[in-house]
PDB file of N, CA and C in Angstrom:
ATOM      1  N   MET A   1      10.352  -1.039-186.801  1.00  0.00           N
ATOM      2  CA  MET A   1      10.854  -0.491-185.387  1.00  0.00           C
ATOM      3  C   MET A   1      10.937  -1.491-184.390  1.00  0.00           C
ATOM      4  N   VAL A   2      11.783  -1.372-183.389  1.00  0.00           N
ATOM      5  CA  VAL A   2      11.468  -2.311-182.317  1.00  0.00           C
ATOM      6  C   VAL A   2      11.042  -1.422-181.283  1.00  0.00           C
ATOM      7  N   THR A   3      10.008  -1.694-180.340  1.00  0.00           N
ATOM      8  CA  THR A   3       9.719  -1.275-179.087  1.00  0.00           C
ATOM      9  C   THR A   3       9.885  -2.287-177.989  1.00  0.00           C
ATOM     10  N   ALA A   4      10.386  -1.293-176.838  1.00  0.00           N
ATOM     11  CA  ALA A   4      10.778  -2.031-175.586  1.00  0.00           C
ATOM     12  C   ALA A   4      10.430  -0.943-174.739  1.00  0.00           C
ATOM     13  N   ILE A   5       9.751  -1.864-173.491  1.00  0.00           N
ATOM     14  CA  ILE A   5       9.185  -1.524-172.367  1.00  0.00           C
ATOM     15  C   ILE A   5       9.849  -1.345-171.193  1.00  0.00           C
ATOM     16  N   VAL A   6      10.339  -0.556-170.756  1.00  0.00           N
ATOM     17  CA  VAL A   6      11.888  -0.869-169.663  1.00  0.00           C
ATOM     18  C   VAL A   6      10.859  -0.502-168.333  1.00  0.00           C
ATOM     19  N   PHE A   7      10.542  -1.487-167.277  1.00  0.00           N
ATOM     20  CA  PHE A   7      10.311  -0.958-165.995  1.00  0.00           C
ATOM     21  C   PHE A   7      11.479  -0.985-165.216  1.00  0.00           C
ATOM     22  N   VAL A   8      11.728   0.201-164.382  1.00  0.00           N
ATOM     23  CA  VAL A   8      12.873   0.750-164.065  1.00  0.00           C
ATOM     24  C   VAL A   8      12.659   0.741-162.359  1.00  0.00           C
ATOM     25  N   LYS A   9      13.421   0.077-161.498  1.00  0.00           N
ATOM     26  CA  LYS A   9      13.424   0.631-160.074  1.00  0.00           C
ATOM     27  C   LYS A   9      14.906   1.455-159.656  1.00  0.00           C
ATOM     28  N   ALA A  10      14.602   2.490-158.728  1.00  0.00           N
ATOM     29  CA  ALA A  10      15.756   3.440-159.007  1.00  0.00           C
ATOM     30  C   ALA A  10      15.523   3.847-157.468  1.00  0.00           C
ATOM     31  N   GLU A  11      16.735   4.624-156.836  1.00  0.00           N
ATOM     32  CA  GLU A  11      16.645   4.941-155.780  1.00  0.00           C
ATOM     33  C   GLU A  11      15.683   6.296-155.641  1.00  0.00           C
ATOM     34  N   VAL A  12      14.979   5.822-154.584  1.00  0.00           N
ATOM     35  CA  VAL A  12      13.576   6.918-154.529  1.00  0.00           C
ATOM     36  C   VAL A  12      13.859   8.305-154.528  1.00  0.00           C
ATOM     37  N   SER A  13      15.261   8.440-153.578  1.00  0.00           N
ATOM     38  CA  SER A  13      15.577   9.823-153.432  1.00  0.00           C
ATOM     39  C   SER A  13      15.967  10.526-154.895  1.00  0.00           C
ATOM     40  N   GLN A  14      16.282   9.880-155.753  1.00  0.00           N
ATOM     41  CA  GLN A  14      16.768  10.034-157.516  1.00  0.00           C
ATOM     42  C   GLN A  14      16.016   9.728-158.583  1.00  0.00           C
ATOM     43  N   ILE A  15      14.763   9.523-158.402  1.00  0.00           N
ATOM     44  CA  ILE A  15      13.576   9.316-159.173  1.00  0.00           C
ATOM     45  C   ILE A  15      13.683  10.438-160.438  1.00  0.00           C
ATOM     46  N   PRO A  16      13.197  11.565-159.718  1.00  0.00           N
ATOM     47  CA  PRO A  16      13.448  12.409-160.856  1.00  0.00           C
ATOM     48  C   PRO A  16      14.475  12.827-161.777  1.00  0.00           C
ATOM     49  N   ASP A  17      15.806  12.727-161.076  1.00  0.00           N
ATOM     50  CA  ASP A  17      17.069  12.687-161.363  1.00  0.00           C
ATOM     51  C   ASP A  17      17.273  11.661-162.534  1.00  0.00           C
ATOM     52  N   VAL A  18      16.945  10.404-161.894  1.00  0.00           N
ATOM     53  CA  VAL A  18      17.122   9.232-163.115  1.00  0.00           C
ATOM     54  C   VAL A  18      16.152   9.296-164.230  1.00  0.00           C
ATOM     55  N   ALA A  19      14.762   9.873-164.102  1.00  0.00           N
ATOM     56  CA  ALA A  19      13.874   9.682-165.054  1.00  0.00           C
ATOM     57  C   ALA A  19      14.338  10.696-166.274  1.00  0.00           C
ATOM     58  N   GLU A  20      15.067  12.018-165.882  1.00  0.00           N
ATOM     59  CA  GLU A  20      15.461  13.119-166.642  1.00  0.00           C
ATOM     60  C   GLU A  20      16.867  12.588-167.432  1.00  0.00           C
ATOM     61  N   GLN A  21      17.386  11.765-166.911  1.00  0.00           N
ATOM     62  CA  GLN A  21      18.662  11.256-167.270  1.00  0.00           C
ATOM     63  C   GLN A  21      18.278  10.071-168.602  1.00  0.00           C
ATOM     64  N   ILE A  22      17.428   9.097-168.090  1.00  0.00           N
ATOM     65  CA  ILE A  22      16.883   8.314-168.815  1.00  0.00           C
ATOM     66  C   ILE A  22      16.450   8.827-170.495  1.00  0.00           C
ATOM     67  N   ALA A  23      15.407   9.804-170.136  1.00  0.00           N
ATOM     68  CA  ALA A  23      14.678  10.834-170.741  1.00  0.00           C
ATOM     69  C   ALA A  23      15.760  11.235-172.099  1.00  0.00           C
ATOM     70  N   ALA A  24      16.888  11.194-171.311  1.00  0.00           N
ATOM     71  CA  ALA A  24      17.569  12.209-172.541  1.00  0.00           C
ATOM     72  C   ALA A  24      18.726  11.302-173.103  1.00  0.00           C
ATOM     73  N   LEU A  25      18.522  10.110-173.067  1.00  0.00           N
ATOM     74  CA  LEU A  25      19.034   9.193-173.653  1.00  0.00           C
ATOM     75  C   LEU A  25      18.471   8.837-175.448  1.00  0.00           C
ATOM     76  N   PRO A  26      19.308   9.173-176.420  1.00  0.00           N
ATOM     77  CA  PRO A  26      19.240   8.276-177.439  1.00  0.00           C
ATOM     78  C   PRO A  26      18.112   7.139-177.514  1.00  0.00           C
ATOM     79  N   GLY A  27      17.142   7.345-178.297  1.00  0.00           N
ATOM     80  CA  GLY A  27      15.991   5.925-178.497  1.00  0.00           C
ATOM     81  C   GLY A  27      14.810   5.751-177.610  1.00  0.00           C
ATOM     82  N   VAL A  28      15.199   6.632-176.362  1.00  0.00           N
ATOM     83  CA  VAL A  28      14.015   6.441-175.320  1.00  0.00           C
ATOM     84  C   VAL A  28      13.087   7.825-175.657  1.00  0.00           C
ATOM     85  N   SER A  29      12.178   7.590-175.955  1.00  0.00           N
ATOM     86  CA  SER A  29      10.862   8.171-176.549  1.00  0.00           C
ATOM     87  C   SER A  29       9.869   8.556-175.227  1.00  0.00           C
ATOM     88  N   GLU A  30       9.968   8.131-174.270  1.00  0.00           N
ATOM     89  CA  GLU A  30       9.160   8.791-173.199  1.00  0.00           C
ATOM     90  C   GLU A  30       9.560   7.782-171.767  1.00  0.00           C
ATOM     91  N   VAL A  31       9.180   8.873-170.981  1.00  0.00           N
ATOM     92  CA  VAL A  31       9.799   7.917-169.383  1.00  0.00           C
ATOM     93  C   VAL A  31       8.403   8.443-168.450  1.00  0.00           C
ATOM     94  N   TYR A  32       7.884   7.432-167.318  1.00  0.00           N
ATOM     95  CA  TYR A  32       6.642   7.789-167.187  1.00  0.00           C
ATOM     96  C   TYR A  32       7.388   7.228-165.561  1.00  0.00           C
ATOM     97  N   SER A  33       6.618   8.157-164.973  1.00  0.00           N
ATOM     98  CA  SER A  33       6.871   7.979-163.244  1.00  0.00           C
ATOM     99  C   SER A  33       5.410   7.427-162.564  1.00  0.00           C
ATOM    100  N   VAL A  34       5.733   5.985-162.161  1.00  0.00           N
ATOM    101  CA  VAL A  34       4.367   5.435-161.871  1.00  0.00           C
ATOM    102  C   VAL A  34       4.401   4.889-160.598  1.00  0.00           C
ATOM    103  N   THR A  35       3.118   4.462-160.225  1.00  0.00           N
ATOM    104  CA  THR A  35       2.613   3.606-158.592  1.00  0.00           C
ATOM    105  C   THR A  35       3.312   2.286-159.140  1.00  0.00           C
ATOM    106  N   GLY A  36       3.389   1.713-157.794  1.00  0.00           N
ATOM    107  CA  GLY A  36       3.630   0.395-157.614  1.00  0.00           C
ATOM    108  C   GLY A  36       4.900  -0.471-157.565  1.00  0.00           C
ATOM    109  N   ALA A  37       5.054  -1.440-157.786  1.00  0.00           N
ATOM    110  CA  ALA A  37       6.303  -1.936-157.554  1.00  0.00           C
ATOM    111  C   ALA A  37       7.403  -1.426-158.408  1.00  0.00           C
ATOM    112  N   ILE A  38       7.103  -0.524-159.291  1.00  0.00           N
ATOM    113  CA  ILE A  38       8.430  -0.105-159.986  1.00  0.00           C
ATOM    114  C   ILE A  38       8.509   1.455-160.068  1.00  0.00           C
ATOM    115  N   ASP A  39       9.251   2.332-160.128  1.00  0.00           N
ATOM    116  CA  ASP A  39       9.714   3.656-159.798  1.00  0.00           C
ATOM    117  C   ASP A  39       9.069   4.269-161.397  1.00  0.00           C
ATOM    118  N   LEU A  40       9.581   4.006-162.518  1.00  0.00           N
ATOM    119  CA  LEU A  40       9.490   4.461-163.805  1.00  0.00           C
ATOM    120  C   LEU A  40       9.514   3.222-164.897  1.00  0.00           C
ATOM    121  N   ILE A  41       8.436   3.984-166.110  1.00  0.00           N
ATOM    122  CA  ILE A  41       8.866   2.995-167.256  1.00  0.00           C
ATOM    123  C   ILE A  41       9.084   3.849-168.343  1.00  0.00           C
ATOM    124  N   ALA A  42      10.200   3.428-168.897  1.00  0.00           N
ATOM    125  CA  ALA A  42      10.454   3.746-169.995  1.00  0.00           C
ATOM    126  C   ALA A  42      10.448   3.017-171.509  1.00  0.00           C
ATOM    127  N   MET A  43       9.728   3.871-172.198  1.00  0.00           N
ATOM    128  CA  MET A  43       9.934   3.159-174.001  1.00  0.00           C
ATOM    129  C   MET A  43      10.824   3.504-174.531  1.00  0.00           C
ATOM    130  N   VAL A  44      11.131   2.433-174.777  1.00  0.00           N
ATOM    131  CA  VAL A  44      12.535   2.476-175.952  1.00  0.00           C
ATOM    132  C   VAL A  44      12.256   2.417-177.375  1.00  0.00           C
ATOM    133  N   ARG A  45      12.011   2.955-178.441  1.00  0.00           N
ATOM    134  CA  ARG A  45      11.704   3.006-179.997  1.00  0.00           C
ATOM    135  C   ARG A  45      12.954   2.686-180.735  1.00  0.00           C
ATOM    136  N   VAL A  46      13.622   1.835-181.161  1.00  0.00           N
ATOM    137  CA  VAL A  46      14.692   1.895-182.076  1.00  0.00           C
ATOM    138  C   VAL A  46      14.607   1.253-183.340  1.00  0.00           C
ATOM    139  N   SER A  47      15.590   0.808-184.108  1.00  0.00           N
ATOM    140  CA  SER A  47      15.590   0.354-185.346  1.00  0.00           C
ATOM    141  C   SER A  47      15.522  -0.994-185.630  1.00  0.00           C
ATOM    142  N   THR A  48      16.829  -1.675-184.776  1.00  0.00           N
ATOM    143  CA  THR A  48      16.911  -3.062-184.111  1.00  0.00           C
ATOM    144  C   THR A  48      17.091  -3.662-183.248  1.00  0.00           C
ATOM    145  N   HIS A  49      17.403  -4.974-182.726  1.00  0.00           N
ATOM    146  CA  HIS A  49      17.444  -5.373-181.498  1.00  0.00           C
ATOM    147  C   HIS A  49      18.766  -5.290-180.912  1.00  0.00           C
ATOM    148  N   ASP A  50      19.897  -4.955-181.623  1.00  0.00           N
ATOM    149  CA  ASP A  50      21.073  -4.855-181.552  1.00  0.00           C
ATOM    150  C   ASP A  50      20.901  -2.856-180.845  1.00  0.00           C
ATOM    151  N   GLN A  51      20.543  -2.694-181.484  1.00  0.00           N
ATOM    152  CA  GLN A  51      20.265  -0.949-180.672  1.00  0.00           C
ATOM    153  C   GLN A  51      19.333  -1.100-179.041  1.00  0.00           C
ATOM    154  N   VAL A  52      18.504  -2.210-179.158  1.00  0.00           N
ATOM    155  CA  VAL A  52      18.056  -2.422-177.730  1.00  0.00           C
ATOM    156  C   VAL A  52      19.000  -2.311-176.638  1.00  0.00           C
ATOM    157  N   ALA A  53      19.718  -3.656-177.026  1.00  0.00           N
ATOM    158  CA  ALA A  53      21.084  -3.588-176.114  1.00  0.00           C
ATOM    159  C   ALA A  53      21.889  -2.350-175.907  1.00  0.00           C
ATOM    160  N   GLU A  54      22.316  -1.667-176.955  1.00  0.00           N
ATOM    161  CA  GLU A  54      23.021  -0.629-176.718  1.00  0.00           C
ATOM    162  C   GLU A  54      21.851   0.428-175.944  1.00  0.00           C
ATOM    163  N   VAL A  55      20.855   0.677-176.009  1.00  0.00           N
ATOM    164  CA  VAL A  55      20.302   1.512-175.336  1.00  0.00           C
ATOM    165  C   VAL A  55      20.180   1.036-173.742  1.00  0.00           C
ATOM    166  N   ILE A  56      19.552  -0.124-173.760  1.00  0.00           N
ATOM    167  CA  ILE A  56      19.102  -0.638-172.346  1.00  0.00           C
ATOM    168  C   ILE A  56      20.441  -0.634-171.713  1.00  0.00           C
ATOM    169  N   ALA A  57      21.176  -2.228-172.093  1.00  0.00           N
ATOM    170  CA  ALA A  57      22.110  -2.680-171.423  1.00  0.00           C
ATOM    171  C   ALA A  57      23.703  -1.635-171.290  1.00  0.00           C
ATOM    172  N   ASP A  58      23.705  -0.769-172.304  1.00  0.00           N
ATOM    173  CA  ASP A  58      24.930  -0.040-172.444  1.00  0.00           C
ATOM    174  C   ASP A  58      24.836   1.366-171.853  1.00  0.00           C
ATOM    175  N   GLN A  59      23.725   1.706-171.583  1.00  0.00           N
ATOM    176  CA  GLN A  59      23.546   3.597-171.397  1.00  0.00           C
ATOM    177  C   GLN A  59      22.404   3.257-170.050  1.00  0.00           C
ATOM    178  N   LEU A  60      21.098   2.540-170.300  1.00  0.00           N
ATOM    179  CA  LEU A  60      20.230   2.959-169.240  1.00  0.00           C
ATOM    180  C   LEU A  60      20.344   2.164-167.974  1.00  0.00           C
ATOM    181  N   ASN A  61      20.951   0.908-168.237  1.00  0.00           N
ATOM    182  CA  ASN A  61      21.314  -0.091-166.710  1.00  0.00           C
ATOM    183  C   ASN A  61      22.368   0.858-166.057  1.00  0.00           C
ATOM    184  N   LYS A  62      23.420   1.765-166.646  1.00  0.00           N
ATOM    185  CA  LYS A  62      24.495   2.427-166.259  1.00  0.00           C
ATOM    186  C   LYS A  62      24.237   3.918-165.607  1.00  0.00           C
ATOM    187  N   VAL A  63      23.023   4.329-165.542  1.00  0.00           N
ATOM    188  CA  VAL A  63      22.686   5.610-164.861  1.00  0.00           C
ATOM    189  C   VAL A  63      22.665   5.520-163.766  1.00  0.00           C
ATOM    190  N   PRO A  64      23.430   6.286-162.771  1.00  0.00           N
ATOM    191  CA  PRO A  64      23.112   6.410-161.332  1.00  0.00           C
ATOM    192  C   PRO A  64      21.877   6.520-160.499  1.00  0.00           C
ATOM    193  N   GLY A  65      21.681   5.707-159.729  1.00  0.00           N
ATOM    194  CA  GLY A  65      20.493   5.517-159.275  1.00  0.00           C
ATOM    195  C   GLY A  65      19.584   4.664-159.562  1.00  0.00           C
ATOM    196  N   VAL A  66      20.088   4.142-161.184  1.00  0.00           N
ATOM    197  CA  VAL A  66      18.824   2.752-161.276  1.00  0.00           C
ATOM    198  C   VAL A  66      19.550   1.689-160.555  1.00  0.00           C
ATOM    199  N   LEU A  67      18.455   0.726-160.045  1.00  0.00           N
ATOM    200  CA  LEU A  67      18.409  -0.304-159.342  1.00  0.00           C
ATOM    201  C   LEU A  67      18.776  -1.295-159.935  1.00  0.00           C
ATOM    202  N   SER A  68      17.463  -1.510-160.705  1.00  0.00           N
ATOM    203  CA  SER A  68      17.438  -2.670-161.790  1.00  0.00           C
ATOM    204  C   SER A  68      16.377  -2.535-162.645  1.00  0.00           C
ATOM    205  N   THR A  69      16.249  -3.374-163.705  1.00  0.00           N
ATOM    206  CA  THR A  69      15.656  -2.950-165.183  1.00  0.00           C
ATOM    207  C   THR A  69      14.992  -4.376-165.253  1.00  0.00           C
ATOM    208  N   GLU A  70      13.736  -4.306-165.802  1.00  0.00           N
ATOM    209  CA  GLU A  70      12.893  -5.300-166.661  1.00  0.00           C
ATOM    210  C   GLU A  70      12.645  -5.148-167.568  1.00  0.00           C
ATOM    211  N   THR A  71      13.236  -5.692-169.070  1.00  0.00           N
ATOM    212  CA  THR A  71      12.351  -5.155-170.516  1.00  0.00           C
ATOM    213  C   THR A  71      11.566  -5.974-170.703  1.00  0.00           C
ATOM    214  N   HIS A  72      10.757  -5.616-171.648  1.00  0.00           N
ATOM    215  CA  HIS A  72       9.781  -6.355-172.490  1.00  0.00           C
ATOM    216  C   HIS A  72       9.491  -5.753-173.904  1.00  0.00           C
ATOM    217  N   ILE A  73      10.127  -6.382-174.811  1.00  0.00           N
ATOM    218  CA  ILE A  73       9.746  -6.401-176.026  1.00  0.00           C
ATOM    219  C   ILE A  73       8.248  -6.248-176.749  1.00  0.00           C
ATOM    220  N   ALA A  74       7.761  -5.562-177.437  1.00  0.00           N
ATOM    221  CA  ALA A  74       6.420  -5.595-177.800  1.00  0.00           C
ATOM    222  C   ALA A  74       6.420  -5.940-179.113  1.00  0.00           C
ATOM    223  N   PHE A  75       5.480  -6.921-179.441  1.00  0.00           N
ATOM    224  CA  PHE A  75       5.324  -8.010-180.934  1.00  0.00           C
ATOM    225  C   PHE A  75       4.644  -7.032-181.937  1.00  0.00           C
ATOM    226  N   ARG A  76       3.526  -6.261-181.114  1.00  0.00           N
ATOM    227  CA  ARG A  76       2.270  -5.624-181.852  1.00  0.00           C
ATOM    228  C   ARG A  76       2.138  -4.692-181.105  1.00  0.00           C
ATOM    229  N   ALA A  77       1.655  -3.336-181.747  1.00  0.00           N
ATOM    230  CA  ALA A  77       0.705  -2.324-181.609  1.00  0.00           C
ATOM    231  C   ALA A  77      -0.708  -2.577-182.103  1.00  0.00           C
ATOM    232  N   TYR A  78      -1.892  -2.238-181.011  1.00  0.00           N
ATOM    233  CA  TYR A  78      -2.878  -2.722-181.180  1.00  0.00           C
ATOM    234  C   TYR A  78      -3.674  -1.475-181.358  1.00  0.00           C
ATOM    235  N   SER A  79      -2.898  -0.253-180.697  1.00  0.00           N
ATOM    236  CA  SER A  79      -3.853   0.961-180.974  1.00  0.00           C
ATOM    237  C   SER A  79      -2.354   1.848-181.189  1.00  0.00           C
ATOM    238  N   SER A  80      -2.524   3.142-181.556  1.00  0.00           N
ATOM    239  CA  SER A  80      -1.685   3.896-181.448  1.00  0.00           C
ATOM    240  C   SER A  80      -2.130   5.559-181.330  1.00  0.00           C
ATOM    241  N   HIS A  81      -1.473   6.707-180.850  1.00  0.00           N
ATOM    242  CA  HIS A  81      -1.755   7.534-180.475  1.00  0.00           C
ATOM    243  C   HIS A  81      -0.833   8.804-180.555  1.00  0.00           C
ATOM    244  N   ASP A  82      -1.396  10.391-180.849  1.00  0.00           N
ATOM    245  CA  ASP A  82      -0.117  10.894-181.273  1.00  0.00           C
ATOM    246  C   ASP A  82      -0.146  11.858-179.867  1.00  0.00           C
ATOM    247  N   LEU A  83       1.049  11.478-179.139  1.00  0.00           N
ATOM    248  CA  LEU A  83       0.971  12.042-178.142  1.00  0.00           C
ATOM    249  C   LEU A  83       1.161  14.082-178.027  1.00  0.00           C
ATOM    250  N   GLU A  84       1.635  14.338-178.998  1.00  0.00           N
ATOM    251  CA  GLU A  84       1.841  15.683-179.161  1.00  0.00           C
ATOM    252  C   GLU A  84       0.439  16.515-179.697  1.00  0.00           C
ATOM    253  N   ALA A  85       0.051  15.963-180.338  1.00  0.00           N
ATOM    254  CA  ALA A  85      -1.636  16.138-180.381  1.00  0.00           C
ATOM    255  C   ALA A  85      -2.541  15.992-179.287  1.00  0.00           C
ATOM    256  N   ALA A  86      -2.444  15.357-178.315  1.00  0.00           N
ATOM    257  CA  ALA A  86      -3.176  15.028-177.074  1.00  0.00           C
ATOM    258  C   ALA A  86      -2.548  16.223-176.206  1.00  0.00           C
ATOM    259  N   PHE A  87      -1.758  16.695-176.163  1.00  0.00           N
ATOM    260  CA  PHE A  87      -1.226  17.774-175.297  1.00  0.00           C
ATOM    261  C   PHE A  87      -0.822  19.096-175.568  1.00  0.00           C
ATOM    262  N   SER A  88      -1.111  18.869-176.830  1.00  0.00           N
ATOM    263  CA  SER A  88      -1.036  20.602-178.098  1.00  0.00           C
ATOM    264  C   SER A  88      -2.215  21.549-176.797  1.00  0.00           C
ATOM    265  N   LEU A  89      -1.403  22.693-176.890  1.00  0.00           N
ATOM    266  CA  LEU A  89      -2.216  23.699-176.389  1.00  0.00           C
ATOM    267  C   LEU A  89      -2.654  25.028-177.343  1.00  0.00           C
ATOM    268  N   GLY A  90      -2.708  24.197-178.581  1.00  0.00           N
ATOM    269  CA  GLY A  90      -2.969  25.292-179.654  1.00  0.00           C
ATOM    270  C   GLY A  90      -4.250  25.675-179.785  1.00  0.00           C
ATOM    271  N   THR A  91      -5.023  26.540-180.493  1.00  0.00           N
ATOM    272  CA  THR A  91      -6.515  27.084-180.357  1.00  0.00           C
ATOM    273  C   THR A  91      -7.218  26.180-180.943  1.00  0.00           C
ATOM    274  N   ALA A  92      -8.370  26.209-180.810  1.00  0.00           N
ATOM    275  CA  ALA A  92      -9.535  25.342-181.913  1.00  0.00           C
ATOM    276  C   ALA A  92     -10.207  26.132-182.427  1.00  0.00           C
TER     277      ALA A  92
END
Protein backbone atom coordinates (compact mmCIF):
# COMPACT_ATOMS: atom_id res chain seq x y z
CA MET A 1 0.00 0.00 0.00
CA VAL A 2 1.20 3.50 -0.85
CA THR A 3 0.20 6.33 1.47
CA ALA A 4 0.41 9.92 0.29
CA ILE A 5 -0.18 12.95 2.50
CA VAL A 6 -1.43 15.83 0.38
CA PHE A 7 -1.35 19.44 1.60
CA VAL A 8 -4.04 21.44 -0.17
CA LYS A 9 -4.46 25.20 -0.50
CA ALA A 10 -8.01 26.11 -1.46
CA GLU A 11 -10.18 29.13 -2.10
CA VAL A 12 -11.18 30.13 1.43
CA SER A 13 -14.86 30.50 0.60
CA GLN A 14 -14.91 27.01 -0.93
CA ILE A 15 -13.01 25.00 1.70
CA PRO A 16 -15.99 22.90 2.89
CA ASP A 17 -17.07 22.08 -0.69
CA VAL A 18 -13.51 21.33 -1.77
CA ALA A 19 -13.02 19.04 1.24
CA GLU A 20 -16.22 17.11 0.48
CA GLN A 21 -15.32 16.68 -3.19
CA ILE A 22 -11.80 15.48 -2.33
CA ALA A 23 -13.16 13.09 0.33
CA ALA A 24 -15.43 11.52 -2.30
CA LEU A 25 -12.52 10.62 -4.61
CA PRO A 26 -11.58 6.93 -4.83
CA GLY A 27 -8.36 6.36 -2.91
CA VAL A 28 -8.86 9.27 -0.51
CA SER A 29 -9.35 7.88 2.99
CA GLU A 30 -9.58 11.10 5.02
CA VAL A 31 -9.59 14.87 4.60
CA TYR A 32 -8.81 17.23 7.47
CA SER A 33 -9.42 20.97 7.68
CA VAL A 34 -6.37 22.44 9.42
CA THR A 35 -4.88 25.70 10.64
CA GLY A 36 -1.70 27.22 9.29
CA ALA A 37 -0.30 27.80 5.82
CA ILE A 38 -2.47 25.11 4.22
CA ASP A 39 -6.21 24.60 4.34
CA LEU A 40 -6.70 20.84 4.03
CA ILE A 41 -4.73 17.63 4.45
CA ALA A 42 -5.87 14.64 2.41
CA MET A 43 -4.72 11.09 3.07
CA VAL A 44 -4.48 9.01 -0.09
CA ARG A 45 -4.09 5.24 0.29
CA VAL A 46 -3.71 3.22 -2.91
CA SER A 47 -1.94 0.10 -4.16
CA THR A 48 0.56 1.61 -6.61
CA HIS A 49 2.48 4.80 -7.32
CA ASP A 50 0.64 5.04 -10.65
CA GLN A 51 -2.62 5.23 -8.69
CA VAL A 52 -1.18 8.07 -6.59
CA ALA A 53 -0.70 10.03 -9.81
CA GLU A 54 -4.20 9.16 -11.00
CA VAL A 55 -5.83 10.33 -7.77
CA ILE A 56 -3.76 13.48 -7.19
CA ALA A 57 -2.72 14.75 -10.61
CA ASP A 58 -5.73 13.55 -12.58
CA GLN A 59 -8.51 14.18 -10.05
CA LEU A 60 -7.68 16.02 -6.82
CA ASN A 61 -5.80 18.87 -8.53
CA LYS A 62 -8.77 19.40 -10.84
CA VAL A 63 -11.35 19.88 -8.07
CA PRO A 64 -12.77 23.42 -8.45
CA GLY A 65 -11.39 25.64 -5.70
CA VAL A 66 -8.05 23.80 -5.30
CA LEU A 67 -5.28 26.39 -5.71
CA SER A 68 -2.22 24.18 -5.13
CA THR A 69 -1.08 20.91 -3.61
CA GLU A 70 2.07 19.49 -2.07
CA THR A 71 2.38 15.71 -1.88
CA HIS A 72 4.45 13.67 0.57
CA ILE A 73 4.84 9.90 0.17
CA ALA A 74 5.07 7.94 3.41
CA PHE A 75 7.95 5.45 3.73
CA ARG A 76 6.83 3.70 6.93
CA ALA A 77 4.04 3.87 9.49
CA TYR A 78 5.30 3.86 13.07
CA SER A 79 1.88 3.81 14.68
CA SER A 80 -1.52 2.68 13.63
CA HIS A 81 -4.96 3.40 14.92
CA ASP A 82 -8.51 2.43 14.17
CA LEU A 83 -10.42 5.62 13.42
CA GLU A 84 -13.74 3.80 13.35
CA ALA A 85 -13.22 2.47 16.88
CA ALA A 86 -11.94 5.83 18.11
CA PHE A 87 -15.13 7.58 17.01
CA SER A 88 -17.54 4.74 17.71
CA LEU A 89 -20.73 5.64 19.54
CA GLY A 90 -21.35 2.06 20.64
CA THR A 91 -22.28 1.14 24.19
CA ALA A 92 -19.66 0.01 26.66
